[in-house]
Amino acid sequence: MTDMNKEAISVLNDLIETSKDGQEGFKTCAEDIKHPELKALFTQRSADCATAAAELQAAVRSMGGDPETSTSVSGDLHRRWVDVKAMFTGKDEEAVLNEAERGEDHALKAYREAIEKINKHNLVGIRDLVERQYHGVQRNHDQVKALRNQARARS
């Protein structure tokens, strides 16, 4: 396996963890929220993250690598912290949306760092996939932020 393949696989595996974190994070948000439209949105976003992870895993396999299959330790810790915080603050709409936005901030950062590595190492074979997914993460972030701002304005 070439060094470029190893670097590309490393970048993709990092994003698989990020996507798995998003999948679990949105699933948790869907479980924690009562508003039916938000519940449906979070359930769909969780499924979208699962699809993104599957695409990344397929790309890793096509390069001869072993794809990541789990969430990150930091994502697991964040979800546990959210659960503890929710016990004390309640699981109101704004609080859940705040945590969803925080998760999307993390995902955006991970994708930006991946794109920097892709450009630095000229990993053109994975650029289109990562950039397409990055734009999806940006849309998710912007939508969650707008919903959070609406919830904040109502409270």
Protein backbone atom coordinates (compact mmCIF):
# COMPACT_ATOMS: atom_id res chain seq x y z
CA MET A 1 0.00 0.00 0.00
CA THR A 2 1.39 3.40 -0.94
CA ASP A 3 2.00 6.17 1.57
CA MET A 4 -0.66 8.25 -0.21
CA ASN A 5 -3.19 5.43 0.24
CA LYS A 6 -2.27 5.16 3.93
CA GLU A 7 -2.73 8.91 4.38
CA ALA A 8 -6.06 8.86 2.50
CA ILE A 9 -7.29 5.93 4.59
CA SER A 10 -6.28 7.74 7.78
CA VAL A 11 -8.20 10.87 6.72
CA LEU A 12 -11.27 8.83 5.80
CA ASN A 13 -11.19 6.79 9.01
CA ASP A 14 -11.13 10.01 11.04
CA LEU A 15 -14.21 11.17 9.14
CA ILE A 16 -15.92 7.81 9.67
CA GLU A 17 -15.58 8.37 13.43
CA THR A 18 -16.96 11.89 13.00
CA SER A 19 -19.91 10.58 10.97
CA LYS A 20 -20.59 7.84 13.52
CA ASP A 21 -20.48 10.50 16.26
CA GLY A 22 -23.04 12.52 14.30
CA GLN A 23 -25.22 9.47 13.79
CA GLU A 24 -25.29 8.74 17.51
CA GLY A 25 -25.57 12.42 18.47
CA PHE A 26 -28.59 13.05 16.25
CA LYS A 27 -30.13 9.78 17.45
CA THR A 28 -29.75 11.02 21.04
CA CYS A 29 -31.29 14.38 20.10
CA ALA A 30 -34.26 12.60 18.48
CA GLU A 31 -34.76 10.57 21.66
CA ASP A 32 -34.53 13.67 23.87
CA ILE A 33 -36.91 15.98 22.02
CA LYS A 34 -40.68 15.96 22.14
CA HIS A 35 -41.41 18.24 19.15
CA PRO A 36 -42.45 15.81 16.35
CA GLU A 37 -40.94 17.80 13.47
CA LEU A 38 -37.59 18.14 15.25
CA LYS A 39 -37.68 14.47 16.20
CA ALA A 40 -38.18 13.60 12.52
CA LEU A 41 -35.40 15.99 11.47
CA PHE A 42 -32.93 14.50 13.95
CA THR A 43 -33.88 10.96 12.96
CA GLN A 44 -33.25 11.84 9.29
CA ARG A 45 -29.93 13.53 10.10
CA SER A 46 -28.87 10.42 12.04
CA ALA A 47 -29.65 8.31 8.96
CA ASP A 48 -27.76 10.79 6.75
CA CYS A 49 -24.69 10.45 8.98
CA ALA A 50 -24.95 6.66 8.77
CA THR A 51 -25.04 6.91 4.98
CA ALA A 52 -22.00 9.22 5.00
CA ALA A 53 -20.10 6.76 7.21
CA ALA A 54 -21.00 3.88 4.87
CA GLU A 55 -19.74 5.86 1.85
CA LEU A 56 -16.47 6.60 3.63
CA GLN A 57 -16.11 2.96 4.71
CA ALA A 58 -16.62 1.81 1.10
CA ALA A 59 -13.91 4.24 -0.04
CA VAL A 60 -11.49 2.88 2.58
CA ARG A 61 -12.22 -0.70 1.46
CA SER A 62 -11.66 0.25 -2.18
CA MET A 63 -8.17 1.45 -1.21
CA GLY A 64 -7.41 -1.84 0.51
CA GLY A 65 -7.82 -0.49 4.03
CA ASP A 66 -9.78 -1.49 7.10
CA PRO A 67 -12.54 1.04 7.75
CA GLU A 68 -13.28 2.40 11.19
CA THR A 69 -16.52 1.05 12.63
CA SER A 70 -16.99 2.92 15.90
CA THR A 71 -17.53 6.37 17.33
CA SER A 72 -14.73 8.42 18.85
CA VAL A 73 -13.95 8.51 22.55
CA SER A 74 -14.52 12.28 22.58
CA GLY A 75 -17.94 11.82 20.96
CA ASP A 76 -18.89 9.20 23.56
CA LEU A 77 -17.77 11.50 26.36
CA HIS A 78 -19.72 14.42 24.88
CA ARG A 79 -22.93 12.37 24.72
CA ARG A 80 -22.51 11.27 28.34
CA TRP A 81 -21.93 14.89 29.38
CA VAL A 82 -25.08 15.93 27.48
CA ASP A 83 -27.07 13.23 29.28
CA VAL A 84 -25.82 14.38 32.69
CA LYS A 85 -26.46 18.03 31.83
CA ALA A 86 -29.97 17.18 30.64
CA MET A 87 -30.79 15.64 34.01
CA PHE A 88 -30.16 19.00 35.64
CA THR A 89 -31.37 21.44 32.98
CA GLY A 90 -34.21 19.45 31.44
CA LYS A 91 -34.37 18.43 27.82
CA ASP A 92 -35.94 21.56 26.41
CA GLU A 93 -35.83 22.31 22.71
CA GLU A 94 -33.19 25.02 22.92
CA ALA A 95 -30.83 22.89 25.04
CA VAL A 96 -31.08 19.94 22.64
CA LEU A 97 -30.51 22.23 19.65
CA ASN A 98 -27.49 23.80 21.40
CA GLU A 99 -25.92 20.38 21.78
CA ALA A 100 -26.75 19.43 18.19
CA GLU A 101 -25.08 22.62 17.00
CA ARG A 102 -22.03 21.91 19.15
CA GLY A 103 -21.77 18.47 17.54
CA GLU A 104 -22.03 20.01 14.07
CA ASP A 105 -19.31 22.54 14.98
CA HIS A 106 -17.05 19.58 15.76
CA ALA A 107 -17.98 17.87 12.48
CA LEU A 108 -17.26 21.02 10.46
CA LYS A 109 -13.85 21.31 12.09
CA ALA A 110 -13.07 17.65 11.33
CA TYR A 111 -14.05 18.05 7.68
CA ARG A 112 -12.06 21.28 7.29
CA GLU A 113 -8.99 19.54 8.72
CA ALA A 114 -9.55 16.61 6.37
CA ILE A 115 -9.74 18.93 3.36
CA GLU A 116 -6.50 20.63 4.48
CA LYS A 117 -4.77 17.23 4.63
CA ILE A 118 -6.21 16.24 1.25
CA ASN A 119 -4.84 19.43 -0.29
CA LYS A 120 -1.49 19.17 1.51
CA HIS A 121 -0.90 15.56 0.40
CA ASN A 122 -2.65 15.96 -2.98
CA LEU A 123 -5.10 13.14 -2.25
CA VAL A 124 -7.26 13.86 -5.27
CA GLY A 125 -8.95 10.44 -5.22
CA ILE A 126 -11.01 11.30 -2.15
CA ARG A 127 -11.43 15.06 -2.56
CA ASP A 128 -14.85 15.02 -4.27
CA LEU A 129 -16.39 12.67 -1.71
CA VAL A 130 -15.07 14.64 1.28
CA GLU A 131 -16.02 18.02 -0.17
CA ARG A 132 -19.55 16.81 -0.99
CA GLN A 133 -19.98 15.52 2.55
CA TYR A 134 -18.50 18.73 3.98
CA HIS A 135 -21.21 20.74 2.22
CA GLY A 136 -23.84 18.45 3.76
CA VAL A 137 -22.37 19.00 7.23
CA GLN A 138 -22.41 22.77 6.60
CA ARG A 139 -26.11 22.61 5.62
CA ASN A 140 -26.90 20.56 8.75
CA HIS A 141 -25.03 23.04 10.92
CA ASP A 142 -26.78 26.05 9.40
CA GLN A 143 -30.21 24.44 9.74
CA VAL A 144 -29.64 23.43 13.37
CA LYS A 145 -28.31 26.90 14.18
CA ALA A 146 -31.36 28.56 12.60
CA LEU A 147 -33.71 26.27 14.54
CA ARG A 148 -31.79 26.97 17.75
CA ASN A 149 -32.07 30.71 17.13
CA GLN A 150 -35.84 30.34 16.58
CA ALA A 151 -36.17 28.37 19.83
CA ARG A 152 -34.12 30.98 21.67
CA ALA A 153 -36.32 33.78 20.32
CA ARG A 154 -39.45 31.99 21.58
CA SER A 155 -38.08 31.55 25.11
